[in-house]
Amino acid sequence: MVASAVGIEPAWAATAGALVLAGRALLRRRATPLTVVRSASPAFLAFVLALGVVVRAVVDHGLADALRRVLPDGSGLLTLLGVAALAAVLANLINNLPAVLVLLPLTAGAGPGAVLAVLLGVNIGPNLTYAGSLATLLWRRIVQQHGHRVGLGEFTRLGLLAVPAALVPAVVALWLSLTVVGA
């Protein structure tokens, strides 16, 4: 947060934090250079980079225009529910990080309600699919490393129950708070 406030990209702050943690672990001999590199998971980092490149290409070749056409206008409850639902669906299709990067510029002009609805959608919505969020991908990887399996069917069933049960009340609470505050 401080880095962003002074104009430093969040990636640099994250890199500095990772280097401090890795250096501390190495100095205390709790890790070796090899375990630090393995913990960084270069293959997963390459996957995230590739995801960003592919999504950027898709956005530049029509996705942003298509989304602009289907984004609801207004600031009412149904509009906010529509924006959050669109954000949730998009997060499950292309992952929540690229989804928020695509949707925030498109909704920024509509005011704080639409932006907050996007944030609710991309944070609650991705629990429908494994690929919906980087956090879920990391969670799945760690769970598998510890010998546990969570089947796709079970994950999806729980997501179908939990996502609407969490997203709808969250958007209703957002709408009520915007109504009270007058935004």
N, C-alpha and C. Protein backbone atom coordinates (compact mmCIF):
# COMPACT_ATOMS: atom_id res chain seq x y z
N MET A 1 0.83 -1.18 0.00
CA MET A 1 0.00 0.00 0.00
C MET A 1 0.88 1.25 0.00
N VAL A 2 1.90 1.26 0.82
CA VAL A 2 2.79 2.41 0.87
C VAL A 2 3.52 2.58 -0.46
N ALA A 3 3.96 1.46 -1.04
CA ALA A 3 4.66 1.53 -2.32
C ALA A 3 3.77 2.15 -3.39
N SER A 4 2.53 1.73 -3.46
CA SER A 4 1.60 2.28 -4.45
C SER A 4 1.37 3.77 -4.21
N ALA A 5 1.29 4.17 -2.95
CA ALA A 5 1.05 5.58 -2.62
C ALA A 5 2.20 6.48 -3.08
N VAL A 6 3.41 5.94 -3.12
CA VAL A 6 4.56 6.75 -3.55
C VAL A 6 4.96 6.45 -4.99
N GLY A 7 4.13 5.72 -5.72
CA GLY A 7 4.36 5.50 -7.14
C GLY A 7 5.26 4.33 -7.48
N ILE A 8 5.48 3.42 -6.54
CA ILE A 8 6.30 2.23 -6.81
C ILE A 8 5.38 1.08 -7.16
N GLU A 9 5.69 0.39 -8.24
CA GLU A 9 4.88 -0.74 -8.67
C GLU A 9 4.85 -1.82 -7.58
N PRO A 10 3.68 -2.45 -7.35
CA PRO A 10 3.57 -3.49 -6.33
C PRO A 10 4.53 -4.66 -6.54
N ALA A 11 4.89 -4.95 -7.78
CA ALA A 11 5.81 -6.05 -8.05
C ALA A 11 7.15 -5.83 -7.38
N TRP A 12 7.60 -4.57 -7.36
CA TRP A 12 8.90 -4.28 -6.72
C TRP A 12 8.82 -4.46 -5.22
N ALA A 13 7.70 -4.06 -4.62
CA ALA A 13 7.52 -4.25 -3.18
C ALA A 13 7.47 -5.74 -2.85
N ALA A 14 6.77 -6.52 -3.66
CA ALA A 14 6.68 -7.97 -3.44
C ALA A 14 8.05 -8.62 -3.60
N THR A 15 8.81 -8.18 -4.61
CA THR A 15 10.15 -8.73 -4.82
C THR A 15 11.05 -8.43 -3.63
N ALA A 16 11.00 -7.21 -3.15
CA ALA A 16 11.81 -6.84 -1.98
C ALA A 16 11.43 -7.69 -0.77
N GLY A 17 10.15 -7.88 -0.55
CA GLY A 17 9.70 -8.71 0.57
C GLY A 17 10.17 -10.15 0.44
N ALA A 18 10.07 -10.69 -0.76
CA ALA A 18 10.52 -12.07 -0.99
C ALA A 18 12.02 -12.20 -0.76
N LEU A 19 12.79 -11.21 -1.20
CA LEU A 19 14.25 -11.25 -1.00
C LEU A 19 14.61 -11.16 0.48
N VAL A 20 13.89 -10.33 1.23
CA VAL A 20 14.14 -10.22 2.67
C VAL A 20 13.84 -11.55 3.36
N LEU A 21 12.72 -12.16 3.03
CA LEU A 21 12.35 -13.44 3.64
C LEU A 21 13.33 -14.55 3.26
N ALA A 22 13.71 -14.59 1.99
CA ALA A 22 14.66 -15.61 1.54
C ALA A 22 16.02 -15.39 2.20
N GLY A 23 16.46 -14.14 2.26
CA GLY A 23 17.75 -13.83 2.91
C GLY A 23 17.76 -14.23 4.37
N ARG A 24 16.67 -13.94 5.05
CA ARG A 24 16.56 -14.31 6.47
C ARG A 24 16.63 -15.83 6.65
N ALA A 25 15.90 -16.55 5.82
CA ALA A 25 15.90 -18.02 5.91
C ALA A 25 17.29 -18.58 5.60
N LEU A 26 17.97 -17.99 4.63
CA LEU A 26 19.31 -18.45 4.28
C LEU A 26 20.30 -18.15 5.40
N LEU A 27 20.24 -16.96 5.97
CA LEU A 27 21.15 -16.58 7.06
C LEU A 27 20.95 -17.45 8.30
N ARG A 28 19.72 -17.81 8.58
CA ARG A 28 19.43 -18.65 9.76
C ARG A 28 19.59 -20.14 9.45
N ARG A 29 20.00 -20.43 8.22
CA ARG A 29 20.22 -21.80 7.76
C ARG A 29 18.95 -22.67 7.86
N ARG A 30 17.83 -22.04 7.67
CA ARG A 30 16.55 -22.76 7.62
C ARG A 30 16.20 -23.14 6.19
N ALA A 31 17.00 -22.64 5.26
CA ALA A 31 16.78 -22.93 3.84
C ALA A 31 18.12 -22.92 3.13
N THR A 32 18.12 -23.59 2.00
CA THR A 32 19.29 -23.56 1.12
C THR A 32 18.89 -22.79 -0.13
N PRO A 33 19.85 -22.37 -0.93
CA PRO A 33 19.48 -21.69 -2.18
C PRO A 33 18.54 -22.54 -3.04
N LEU A 34 18.75 -23.84 -3.06
CA LEU A 34 17.89 -24.72 -3.86
C LEU A 34 16.46 -24.73 -3.33
N THR A 35 16.28 -24.80 -2.00
CA THR A 35 14.92 -24.80 -1.46
C THR A 35 14.23 -23.46 -1.67
N VAL A 36 15.00 -22.38 -1.66
CA VAL A 36 14.43 -21.06 -1.94
C VAL A 36 13.91 -21.01 -3.38
N VAL A 37 14.70 -21.51 -4.31
CA VAL A 37 14.28 -21.52 -5.72
C VAL A 37 13.06 -22.42 -5.89
N ARG A 38 13.08 -23.60 -5.26
CA ARG A 38 11.92 -24.50 -5.36
C ARG A 38 10.67 -23.85 -4.77
N SER A 39 10.84 -23.15 -3.65
CA SER A 39 9.70 -22.49 -3.02
C SER A 39 9.12 -21.39 -3.91
N ALA A 40 9.99 -20.77 -4.70
CA ALA A 40 9.52 -19.73 -5.62
C ALA A 40 8.68 -20.32 -6.75
N SER A 41 8.79 -21.61 -6.97
CA SER A 41 8.02 -22.33 -7.98
C SER A 41 8.11 -21.69 -9.36
N PRO A 42 9.28 -21.78 -9.98
CA PRO A 42 9.47 -21.16 -11.30
C PRO A 42 8.44 -21.59 -12.34
N ALA A 43 8.02 -22.85 -12.31
CA ALA A 43 7.03 -23.30 -13.30
C ALA A 43 5.70 -22.57 -13.11
N PHE A 44 5.28 -22.40 -11.87
CA PHE A 44 4.03 -21.69 -11.60
C PHE A 44 4.16 -20.22 -11.99
N LEU A 45 5.32 -19.62 -11.72
CA LEU A 45 5.55 -18.23 -12.12
C LEU A 45 5.49 -18.09 -13.64
N ALA A 46 6.06 -19.05 -14.35
CA ALA A 46 6.00 -19.02 -15.81
C ALA A 46 4.55 -19.15 -16.29
N PHE A 47 3.78 -20.00 -15.62
CA PHE A 47 2.36 -20.15 -15.96
C PHE A 47 1.62 -18.82 -15.79
N VAL A 48 1.87 -18.13 -14.68
CA VAL A 48 1.21 -16.85 -14.42
C VAL A 48 1.60 -15.82 -15.48
N LEU A 49 2.87 -15.79 -15.83
CA LEU A 49 3.32 -14.88 -16.88
C LEU A 49 2.64 -15.20 -18.21
N ALA A 50 2.58 -16.47 -18.56
CA ALA A 50 1.94 -16.88 -19.81
C ALA A 50 0.45 -16.53 -19.79
N LEU A 51 -0.19 -16.71 -18.64
CA LEU A 51 -1.60 -16.35 -18.50
C LEU A 51 -1.78 -14.86 -18.77
N GLY A 52 -0.91 -14.04 -18.22
CA GLY A 52 -0.99 -12.60 -18.45
C GLY A 52 -0.82 -12.22 -19.91
N VAL A 53 0.12 -12.89 -20.58
CA VAL A 53 0.37 -12.60 -22.00
C VAL A 53 -0.84 -12.98 -22.84
N VAL A 54 -1.40 -14.15 -22.59
CA VAL A 54 -2.55 -14.62 -23.37
C VAL A 54 -3.76 -13.72 -23.13
N VAL A 55 -4.02 -13.40 -21.87
CA VAL A 55 -5.18 -12.56 -21.56
C VAL A 55 -5.00 -11.17 -22.16
N ARG A 56 -3.81 -10.61 -22.09
CA ARG A 56 -3.56 -9.29 -22.69
C ARG A 56 -3.88 -9.32 -24.19
N ALA A 57 -3.47 -10.39 -24.86
CA ALA A 57 -3.75 -10.52 -26.29
C ALA A 57 -5.26 -10.61 -26.55
N VAL A 58 -5.96 -11.37 -25.73
CA VAL A 58 -7.41 -11.51 -25.89
C VAL A 58 -8.11 -10.17 -25.64
N VAL A 59 -7.67 -9.47 -24.61
CA VAL A 59 -8.27 -8.16 -24.30
C VAL A 59 -8.04 -7.19 -25.44
N ASP A 60 -6.82 -7.15 -25.95
CA ASP A 60 -6.49 -6.23 -27.02
C ASP A 60 -7.19 -6.55 -28.34
N HIS A 61 -7.66 -7.78 -28.46
CA HIS A 61 -8.30 -8.18 -29.71
C HIS A 61 -9.80 -8.42 -29.56
N GLY A 62 -10.45 -7.63 -28.71
CA GLY A 62 -11.90 -7.64 -28.70
C GLY A 62 -12.59 -7.89 -27.38
N LEU A 63 -11.93 -8.48 -26.39
CA LEU A 63 -12.62 -8.78 -25.14
C LEU A 63 -13.09 -7.51 -24.44
N ALA A 64 -12.25 -6.50 -24.37
CA ALA A 64 -12.64 -5.25 -23.69
C ALA A 64 -13.85 -4.62 -24.37
N ASP A 65 -13.87 -4.62 -25.69
CA ASP A 65 -15.01 -4.04 -26.42
C ASP A 65 -16.28 -4.85 -26.16
N ALA A 66 -16.16 -6.16 -26.17
CA ALA A 66 -17.33 -7.02 -25.91
C ALA A 66 -17.86 -6.79 -24.49
N LEU A 67 -16.96 -6.70 -23.52
CA LEU A 67 -17.38 -6.46 -22.14
C LEU A 67 -18.03 -5.09 -21.98
N ARG A 68 -17.49 -4.10 -22.66
CA ARG A 68 -18.05 -2.75 -22.59
C ARG A 68 -19.51 -2.76 -23.06
N ARG A 69 -19.81 -3.60 -24.05
CA ARG A 69 -21.18 -3.68 -24.57
C ARG A 69 -22.13 -4.38 -23.61
N VAL A 70 -21.65 -5.33 -22.81
CA VAL A 70 -22.56 -6.08 -21.94
C VAL A 70 -22.58 -5.59 -20.49
N LEU A 71 -21.68 -4.69 -20.14
CA LEU A 71 -21.69 -4.16 -18.77
C LEU A 71 -22.96 -3.34 -18.55
N PRO A 72 -23.68 -3.64 -17.47
CA PRO A 72 -24.90 -2.87 -17.21
C PRO A 72 -24.57 -1.43 -16.79
N ASP A 73 -25.47 -0.51 -17.12
CA ASP A 73 -25.32 0.90 -16.73
C ASP A 73 -26.17 1.18 -15.51
N GLY A 74 -25.78 2.18 -14.76
CA GLY A 74 -26.57 2.60 -13.62
C GLY A 74 -25.88 2.30 -12.32
N SER A 75 -26.64 2.54 -11.23
CA SER A 75 -26.07 2.30 -9.91
C SER A 75 -27.05 1.58 -8.98
N GLY A 76 -28.12 1.06 -9.56
CA GLY A 76 -29.11 0.37 -8.76
C GLY A 76 -28.67 -1.03 -8.36
N LEU A 77 -29.47 -1.66 -7.54
CA LEU A 77 -29.15 -3.00 -7.05
C LEU A 77 -28.98 -4.00 -8.18
N LEU A 78 -29.90 -4.01 -9.14
CA LEU A 78 -29.80 -4.97 -10.24
C LEU A 78 -28.55 -4.73 -11.08
N THR A 79 -28.18 -3.47 -11.26
CA THR A 79 -26.95 -3.16 -12.00
C THR A 79 -25.73 -3.70 -11.25
N LEU A 80 -25.67 -3.44 -9.96
CA LEU A 80 -24.53 -3.92 -9.16
C LEU A 80 -24.48 -5.44 -9.15
N LEU A 81 -25.62 -6.09 -9.06
CA LEU A 81 -25.65 -7.56 -9.13
C LEU A 81 -25.16 -8.04 -10.50
N GLY A 82 -25.56 -7.35 -11.56
CA GLY A 82 -25.12 -7.71 -12.90
C GLY A 82 -23.62 -7.54 -13.08
N VAL A 83 -23.08 -6.44 -12.57
CA VAL A 83 -21.64 -6.20 -12.67
C VAL A 83 -20.88 -7.26 -11.90
N ALA A 84 -21.33 -7.56 -10.68
CA ALA A 84 -20.65 -8.57 -9.86
C ALA A 84 -20.74 -9.95 -10.51
N ALA A 85 -21.90 -10.28 -11.07
CA ALA A 85 -22.06 -11.58 -11.74
C ALA A 85 -21.15 -11.68 -12.96
N LEU A 86 -21.08 -10.61 -13.75
CA LEU A 86 -20.19 -10.60 -14.91
C LEU A 86 -18.74 -10.77 -14.47
N ALA A 87 -18.35 -10.08 -13.41
CA ALA A 87 -16.98 -10.20 -12.89
C ALA A 87 -16.70 -11.62 -12.42
N ALA A 88 -17.68 -12.23 -11.77
CA ALA A 88 -17.50 -13.61 -11.28
C ALA A 88 -17.35 -14.59 -12.45
N VAL A 89 -18.19 -14.44 -13.46
CA VAL A 89 -18.10 -15.33 -14.63
C VAL A 89 -16.77 -15.14 -15.33
N LEU A 90 -16.37 -13.90 -15.54
CA LEU A 90 -15.11 -13.63 -16.23
C LEU A 90 -13.93 -14.17 -15.43
N ALA A 91 -13.97 -14.02 -14.11
CA ALA A 91 -12.89 -14.55 -13.28
C ALA A 91 -12.76 -16.07 -13.44
N ASN A 92 -13.87 -16.75 -13.56
CA ASN A 92 -13.82 -18.20 -13.74
C ASN A 92 -13.35 -18.59 -15.13
N LEU A 93 -13.54 -17.71 -16.10
CA LEU A 93 -13.11 -18.01 -17.47
C LEU A 93 -11.64 -17.69 -17.70
N ILE A 94 -11.18 -16.54 -17.18
CA ILE A 94 -9.80 -16.13 -17.48
C ILE A 94 -8.95 -15.94 -16.24
N ASN A 95 -9.48 -16.16 -15.04
CA ASN A 95 -8.80 -16.00 -13.76
C ASN A 95 -9.13 -14.62 -13.20
N ASN A 96 -9.12 -14.51 -11.88
CA ASN A 96 -9.57 -13.26 -11.26
C ASN A 96 -8.60 -12.10 -11.44
N LEU A 97 -7.31 -12.36 -11.48
CA LEU A 97 -6.36 -11.26 -11.64
C LEU A 97 -6.52 -10.57 -13.00
N PRO A 98 -6.49 -11.31 -14.12
CA PRO A 98 -6.72 -10.63 -15.40
C PRO A 98 -8.13 -10.03 -15.49
N ALA A 99 -9.11 -10.69 -14.88
CA ALA A 99 -10.48 -10.17 -14.94
C ALA A 99 -10.57 -8.80 -14.30
N VAL A 100 -9.95 -8.63 -13.15
CA VAL A 100 -10.01 -7.32 -12.49
C VAL A 100 -9.24 -6.28 -13.29
N LEU A 101 -8.15 -6.67 -13.92
CA LEU A 101 -7.38 -5.73 -14.73
C LEU A 101 -8.16 -5.29 -15.97
N VAL A 102 -9.02 -6.16 -16.48
CA VAL A 102 -9.84 -5.82 -17.64
C VAL A 102 -11.04 -4.97 -17.22
N LEU A 103 -11.69 -5.35 -16.12
CA LEU A 103 -12.97 -4.72 -15.75
C LEU A 103 -12.82 -3.38 -15.04
N LEU A 104 -11.78 -3.20 -14.24
CA LEU A 104 -11.69 -1.94 -13.49
C LEU A 104 -11.65 -0.70 -14.40
N PRO A 105 -10.84 -0.69 -15.46
CA PRO A 105 -10.88 0.50 -16.32
C PRO A 105 -12.25 0.72 -16.99
N LEU A 106 -12.97 -0.36 -17.23
CA LEU A 106 -14.27 -0.25 -17.89
C LEU A 106 -15.35 0.27 -16.93
N THR A 107 -15.18 0.04 -15.64
CA THR A 107 -16.20 0.44 -14.66
C THR A 107 -15.82 1.68 -13.87
N ALA A 108 -14.59 2.14 -13.98
CA ALA A 108 -14.13 3.27 -13.17
C ALA A 108 -15.00 4.51 -13.36
N GLY A 109 -15.43 4.76 -14.56
CA GLY A 109 -16.26 5.93 -14.83
C GLY A 109 -17.66 5.84 -14.25
N ALA A 110 -18.10 4.65 -13.92
CA ALA A 110 -19.45 4.46 -13.37
C ALA A 110 -19.52 4.76 -11.88
N GLY A 111 -18.39 4.97 -11.25
CA GLY A 111 -18.38 5.31 -9.84
C GLY A 111 -17.95 4.17 -8.95
N PRO A 112 -17.89 4.45 -7.65
CA PRO A 112 -17.36 3.47 -6.70
C PRO A 112 -18.22 2.21 -6.57
N GLY A 113 -19.51 2.32 -6.77
CA GLY A 113 -20.38 1.15 -6.65
C GLY A 113 -20.02 0.07 -7.65
N ALA A 114 -19.85 0.47 -8.91
CA ALA A 114 -19.51 -0.51 -9.95
C ALA A 114 -18.13 -1.11 -9.71
N VAL A 115 -17.18 -0.27 -9.31
CA VAL A 115 -15.83 -0.77 -9.04
C VAL A 115 -15.85 -1.77 -7.88
N LEU A 116 -16.57 -1.44 -6.82
CA LEU A 116 -16.65 -2.35 -5.68
C LEU A 116 -17.40 -3.63 -6.03
N ALA A 117 -18.41 -3.52 -6.90
CA ALA A 117 -19.12 -4.73 -7.36
C ALA A 117 -18.18 -5.63 -8.14
N VAL A 118 -17.31 -5.05 -8.97
CA VAL A 118 -16.30 -5.84 -9.69
C VAL A 118 -15.41 -6.56 -8.68
N LEU A 119 -14.94 -5.82 -7.68
CA LEU A 119 -14.04 -6.43 -6.69
C LEU A 119 -14.73 -7.57 -5.93
N LEU A 120 -16.00 -7.41 -5.61
CA LEU A 120 -16.74 -8.50 -4.97
C LEU A 120 -16.83 -9.70 -5.92
N GLY A 121 -17.16 -9.43 -7.17
CA GLY A 121 -17.32 -10.51 -8.14
C GLY A 121 -16.04 -11.29 -8.38
N VAL A 122 -14.91 -10.58 -8.51
CA VAL A 122 -13.65 -11.29 -8.80
C VAL A 122 -13.03 -11.93 -7.57
N ASN A 123 -13.51 -11.59 -6.39
CA ASN A 123 -12.97 -12.21 -5.18
C ASN A 123 -13.85 -13.34 -4.64
N ILE A 124 -15.15 -13.23 -4.79
CA ILE A 124 -16.06 -14.29 -4.32
C ILE A 124 -16.34 -15.28 -5.45
N GLY A 125 -16.55 -14.77 -6.64
CA GLY A 125 -16.94 -15.58 -7.79
C GLY A 125 -16.00 -16.69 -8.20
N PRO A 126 -14.69 -16.52 -8.12
CA PRO A 126 -13.77 -17.54 -8.63
C PRO A 126 -13.81 -18.87 -7.88
N ASN A 127 -14.58 -18.95 -6.83
CA ASN A 127 -14.66 -20.20 -6.09
C ASN A 127 -15.52 -21.25 -6.78
N LEU A 128 -15.87 -21.00 -8.02
CA LEU A 128 -16.62 -21.99 -8.80
C LEU A 128 -15.70 -22.96 -9.54
N THR A 129 -14.49 -22.50 -9.89
CA THR A 129 -13.57 -23.35 -10.65
C THR A 129 -12.17 -23.28 -10.06
N TYR A 130 -11.40 -24.32 -10.30
CA TYR A 130 -10.01 -24.33 -9.85
C TYR A 130 -9.23 -23.17 -10.45
N ALA A 131 -9.48 -22.87 -11.70
CA ALA A 131 -8.70 -21.85 -12.41
C ALA A 131 -9.20 -20.44 -12.14
N GLY A 132 -10.23 -20.30 -11.34
CA GLY A 132 -10.82 -18.99 -11.11
C GLY A 132 -9.91 -17.99 -10.42
N SER A 133 -9.02 -18.46 -9.57
CA SER A 133 -8.12 -17.53 -8.89
C SER A 133 -6.76 -18.17 -8.69
N LEU A 134 -5.74 -17.33 -8.64
CA LEU A 134 -4.39 -17.82 -8.37
C LEU A 134 -4.33 -18.44 -6.99
N ALA A 135 -5.06 -17.88 -6.05
CA ALA A 135 -5.06 -18.43 -4.69
C ALA A 135 -5.58 -19.87 -4.68
N THR A 136 -6.61 -20.15 -5.46
CA THR A 136 -7.14 -21.51 -5.52
C THR A 136 -6.15 -22.45 -6.20
N LEU A 137 -5.49 -21.96 -7.23
CA LEU A 137 -4.48 -22.79 -7.89
C LEU A 137 -3.34 -23.13 -6.92
N LEU A 138 -2.91 -22.15 -6.15
CA LEU A 138 -1.86 -22.40 -5.15
C LEU A 138 -2.35 -23.35 -4.06
N TRP A 139 -3.59 -23.14 -3.60
CA TRP A 139 -4.17 -24.00 -2.57
C TRP A 139 -4.22 -25.44 -3.07
N ARG A 140 -4.69 -25.62 -4.29
CA ARG A 140 -4.79 -26.98 -4.86
C ARG A 140 -3.43 -27.64 -4.94
N ARG A 141 -2.43 -26.88 -5.34
CA ARG A 141 -1.06 -27.41 -5.45
C ARG A 141 -0.54 -27.85 -4.08
N ILE A 142 -0.77 -27.04 -3.06
CA ILE A 142 -0.30 -27.37 -1.71
C ILE A 142 -1.06 -28.56 -1.15
N VAL A 143 -2.36 -28.60 -1.36
CA VAL A 143 -3.17 -29.73 -0.88
C VAL A 143 -2.68 -31.03 -1.50
N GLN A 144 -2.40 -31.01 -2.80
CA GLN A 144 -1.91 -32.21 -3.48
C GLN A 144 -0.53 -32.62 -2.98
N GLN A 145 0.33 -31.64 -2.67
CA GLN A 145 1.65 -31.96 -2.14
C GLN A 145 1.56 -32.67 -0.80
N HIS A 146 0.50 -32.43 -0.07
CA HIS A 146 0.30 -33.06 1.23
C HIS A 146 -0.54 -34.33 1.15
N GLY A 147 -0.75 -34.81 -0.07
CA GLY A 147 -1.42 -36.08 -0.27
C GLY A 147 -2.93 -36.06 -0.18
N HIS A 148 -3.55 -34.90 -0.22
CA HIS A 148 -5.00 -34.82 -0.17
C HIS A 148 -5.54 -34.56 -1.57
N ARG A 149 -6.74 -35.02 -1.81
CA ARG A 149 -7.37 -34.78 -3.10
C ARG A 149 -8.73 -34.14 -2.86
N VAL A 150 -8.99 -33.12 -3.63
CA VAL A 150 -10.32 -32.52 -3.65
C VAL A 150 -10.78 -32.63 -5.09
N GLY A 151 -11.76 -33.45 -5.32
CA GLY A 151 -12.23 -33.69 -6.68
C GLY A 151 -12.90 -32.47 -7.28
N LEU A 152 -12.83 -32.38 -8.59
CA LEU A 152 -13.44 -31.27 -9.30
C LEU A 152 -14.95 -31.19 -9.04
N GLY A 153 -15.61 -32.33 -9.01
CA GLY A 153 -17.06 -32.35 -8.76
C GLY A 153 -17.41 -31.80 -7.39
N GLU A 154 -16.68 -32.23 -6.37
CA GLU A 154 -16.93 -31.75 -5.02
C GLU A 154 -16.65 -30.24 -4.92
N PHE A 155 -15.54 -29.82 -5.50
CA PHE A 155 -15.17 -28.41 -5.47
C PHE A 155 -16.25 -27.56 -6.15
N THR A 156 -16.71 -28.01 -7.31
CA THR A 156 -17.71 -27.28 -8.07
C THR A 156 -19.05 -27.25 -7.33
N ARG A 157 -19.47 -28.38 -6.76
CA ARG A 157 -20.73 -28.41 -6.00
C ARG A 157 -20.69 -27.42 -4.83
N LEU A 158 -19.58 -27.43 -4.09
CA LEU A 158 -19.46 -26.49 -2.97
C LEU A 158 -19.45 -25.05 -3.46
N GLY A 159 -18.78 -24.81 -4.59
CA GLY A 159 -18.75 -23.47 -5.16
C GLY A 159 -20.13 -23.00 -5.61
N LEU A 160 -20.90 -23.90 -6.22
CA LEU A 160 -22.25 -23.54 -6.66
C LEU A 160 -23.15 -23.18 -5.49
N LEU A 161 -22.89 -23.76 -4.34
CA LEU A 161 -23.66 -23.41 -3.14
C LEU A 161 -23.13 -22.13 -2.49
N ALA A 162 -21.82 -22.03 -2.37
CA ALA A 162 -21.21 -20.94 -1.60
C ALA A 162 -21.17 -19.61 -2.35
N VAL A 163 -20.88 -19.63 -3.65
CA VAL A 163 -20.69 -18.36 -4.37
C VAL A 163 -21.97 -17.51 -4.38
N PRO A 164 -23.11 -18.05 -4.82
CA PRO A 164 -24.31 -17.19 -4.78
C PRO A 164 -24.70 -16.80 -3.35
N ALA A 165 -24.51 -17.73 -2.41
CA ALA A 165 -24.88 -17.44 -1.02
C ALA A 165 -24.01 -16.35 -0.42
N ALA A 166 -22.82 -16.14 -0.94
CA ALA A 166 -21.95 -15.09 -0.45
C ALA A 166 -22.02 -13.83 -1.31
N LEU A 167 -22.09 -14.00 -2.63
CA LEU A 167 -22.02 -12.86 -3.54
C LEU A 167 -23.28 -11.99 -3.48
N VAL A 168 -24.43 -12.60 -3.48
CA VAL A 168 -25.68 -11.81 -3.48
C VAL A 168 -25.79 -10.97 -2.21
N PRO A 169 -25.64 -11.54 -1.01
CA PRO A 169 -25.72 -10.68 0.18
C PRO A 169 -24.63 -9.61 0.23
N ALA A 170 -23.45 -9.93 -0.28
CA ALA A 170 -22.38 -8.94 -0.28
C ALA A 170 -22.74 -7.75 -1.18
N VAL A 171 -23.30 -8.03 -2.34
CA VAL A 171 -23.70 -6.94 -3.25
C VAL A 171 -24.88 -6.17 -2.67
N VAL A 172 -25.81 -6.86 -2.04
CA VAL A 172 -26.94 -6.17 -1.40
C VAL A 172 -26.41 -5.25 -0.29
N ALA A 173 -25.46 -5.73 0.49
CA ALA A 173 -24.85 -4.90 1.54
C ALA A 173 -24.13 -3.70 0.93
N LEU A 174 -23.44 -3.91 -0.18
CA LEU A 174 -22.78 -2.81 -0.88
C LEU A 174 -23.81 -1.77 -1.33
N TRP A 175 -24.88 -2.24 -1.96
CA TRP A 175 -25.93 -1.33 -2.44
C TRP A 175 -26.55 -0.55 -1.28
N LEU A 176 -26.84 -1.24 -0.17
CA LEU A 176 -27.41 -0.56 1.01
C LEU A 176 -26.45 0.49 1.55
N SER A 177 -25.18 0.14 1.63
CA SER A 177 -24.22 1.10 2.16
C SER A 177 -24.06 2.30 1.23
N LEU A 178 -24.07 2.06 -0.08
CA LEU A 178 -24.00 3.18 -1.03
C LEU A 178 -25.25 4.05 -0.94
N THR A 179 -26.39 3.42 -0.69
CA THR A 179 -27.65 4.17 -0.55
C THR A 179 -27.62 5.05 0.70
N VAL A 180 -27.10 4.49 1.79
CA VAL A 180 -27.03 5.24 3.05
C VAL A 180 -26.04 6.38 2.94
N VAL A 181 -24.88 6.11 2.33
CA VAL A 181 -23.82 7.12 2.22
C VAL A 181 -24.16 8.13 1.13
N GLY A 182 -24.95 7.70 0.17
CA GLY A 182 -25.34 8.60 -0.91
C GLY A 182 -24.36 8.64 -2.06
N ALA A 183 -23.58 7.57 -2.25
CA ALA A 183 -22.60 7.54 -3.34
C ALA A 183 -23.22 7.05 -4.63
